[in-house]
Amino acid sequence: MEDTAAAVETPVTVSTFGVSRHPDTARLVLSSPKPPGVREEFVGVVRKAFRPRASGGGGAGRTPPARWGWALTALQTVFPVLQWGRTYNFKLFRSDVMAGLTLASLGIPQSIGYANLAKLDPQYGLCKHQYFSFVAQKQLNFLLIFPERFLHHIFCYLLCGHRQDTSVVPPLIYAVMGTSREIAIGPVAVVSLLLSSMVSKIVDPAVDPVTYRALVFTVTFLAGVFQVSFGLFRLGFLVDFLSHAAIVGFMAGAAIVIGLQQLKGLLGLSHFTNSTDVVSVIKAVCSALRDPWHPGNFLIGCSFLIFILATRFIGRRYKKLFWLSAISPLLSVILSTAAVYATRADKHGVKIIQRVHAGLNPSSASQLRLSGPYTVDCAKTAIICAVIALTEAIAVGRSFASIRGYKLDGNKEMIAMGCSNVAGSLSSCYVATGSFSRTAVNFSAGARSTVSNIVMSITVFIALELLMKSLYYTPIAVLASIILSALPGLIDIKEALSIWKVDKMDFLTCLGAFVGVLFGSVEIGLAVALAISFAKIIIQSIRPQVEVLGRLQGTNIFCSIRQYPVACRIPSVLTIRIDTSFLCFINSTFIKERIIEWIREEVETSDEKARERVQSVVLDMSNVVNIDTSGISALEEIHKELASLSIQMAIAGPGWQAIQKMKLAGVVDQVGGDWIFLTVGEAVEACVTMQKGTALEC
């Protein structure tokens, strides 16, 4: 082989090989106990999910009775507030109050805008509730001191089930169940776009708004159920199917689509398309511009967009003025509403919200469509929304947790997020998740716990209780400008360039998601990204690396001679490493043919050049964790080929499940128990010893 010809050649004898043989360690491979089966693995996952380990940090006098210990531990696992709530103090509360007030100033206008993006009336982004009014104003301190009673009031609050706010109910549930101290829960742009684009294909909101709203609540409920299931059964890996590159491309494409959708509000257009692809949107804009339109909408939208972006720049430039960028959306709503009301601009073509309903509504539980013709479509939409929402929330939570130096529990986050959305779906809320922009504001404002979410919810509620009807004159162009101001953070060009530099295949995934969302739809973009990601996995699984190994001089380390040309080949011993964790039907033929081809080339080359002939082949299977019947068949064929050439076969370091299956299939008996080794060094030493200490070249 050409690779072997390039290797460094240095004479070495058996005595200088430097390997100490340990027969007992080699026997460990064959005498290892039986690995756990599928049933044991499943039972272990379920037991870990429903019987969490007790924390060992309890002090003297605080250890619960044995019969209640498990129950208390389980409650503290589900409701972390029962742990940190007992050590909560006024100093932390003061920081959380300031953060919550700052967060509310950003959350009020954003929630209205995102409800509009989701094609829902503003009250489904911002509304009120009678029972919570009593709790918020009269018993907040009592609830903070006694978290158990807090849970009781939350339960009663949900049972009353009147019209709610996606920035009120989900944050409250997350506050008692979540593990992130900084994350801010509420509606976000990408999930709002997902809902509007996918549910609109089931029911047109302009034709049947009641059914559309009911399906949004149904999707929210199912998304919450999926998220809870992911957390309970440790299925967080499903979120990882959307790779980092796919998320970067998807977010960028979604940001552009959301921006184009806001042209309707920014230009004050009456007729617009429900499609989200860039071609349809541009056609709709060109068509609508032929009709009369009022430039005042564009002037208002652009003016306040510049104002919001300017305050954001100032806040980033001068860290102490971070609050300026946080309250700028709220100031925009207040100033624009006052200006429209004072000038009666709505009489001259400026589009305003108008549809702001006061009063109480019944619970949305009766609106859930869990059976009927729409159930399957709702479930498909829900699974996508659940995964996207979790991906964003966990990424945001982990980013800020790493800054503060604590670990975020991904499975608990899934359960908390799922319960928040289930409760929200029963109280007229749509899918909520962690918002990066609001979380950054919460962090900068000094949030120390999830109490900041509670303060934010109460503040939003009180503000809307007093100012609900004032939103009647709020111009739609301002809502569009608020959404547009949040979009630059979704487009990460620097990260896209980094992906291109590091991994071209990953960049193809990123580009596929971006183009799919931009020119197709949200689901097409996700499908393209997943298809490319899975194609990458399949290609790498079909054609895994199979490397010839050499020894680094003066050591007992064996490594690839292609990666490390200084590694020495042992001419009479061909050492091959199989770089796959699962030797199975999808790659066994490729691996078998590659190894047999190398062996034949080695034999032919040694005969032609009168070099010492290969007498042994060592298969390094330390990376092979598992094997199936196709992989076993491939090993048997390799052994037969070597036997026909009078070459001894040795196997080094097979994985736990792999060696058990090899014993059951009889491969160990065919190769010989004496030729199964724990390490490559022991296998090579045995092969060299078999050759009676002849001087070798490497």
Foldseek 3Di string as FASTA:
>chain_A
DVLQVLFDKDWDFLVQPPDDFDLVQFVCQVPPDADDDPVVVQVVLLCCLQQPDADDPDDPPRQDDPVCNRVVRNLCQQFVCVPVLQVDDPVLVVLLLLLLVLLLLQQLLLLQLLCVLLVHASLLAFAAADLVLCCLVPPPVVCSNPVVVVVVSLVVRLVQFKAHHQLFQLLSLCQGQFDFQQFRKGDDNLLSNLNLLQLCVVPPCVVPVLLSLLLLLQLLQLLLVVLLVCLSSVVVCVLCLCPPLLQQLQLLLSLVLLLLVLVCQQFVFDDADSARAQVRSVVRVVVRVVDDTDCVSNVLLVVLLVVLLVQCVVCVVDVVSVSSNSNSLSVSQVVQLVVCVVVVCVVVHFAASQPQDHDIGHWSPVSHPCDDDCNVSSNVSSNVSSSVQLSVQVVLSQVVCVVVPHDGDSSSNSNSQSVSSNSSSRRSHGRMHTDNVSSVSSVSSRRDGSVSSNSNNSVSNVCCVPCRVSRNRGGSSSSSSSSSSPSVVSNDVVVLVVCVVPPVLSNVLSNQLNNCCHRPNNVRSVVRSSVSSVVVVLVCVQDPDKAWWAAQPPDLDIDGCVVPSNGWDWLQETEIETQDQECEPSHLVVVLVVVLVVLVVSQVVCVVVVHDGHAEYEYEQQNHAAYDPSNLVSLVVSLVSCVVVNHQYAYERHHSHHSVVCVVVCVCVSNDSSRYGHHPSNNVSVVCVVVVTDITMD
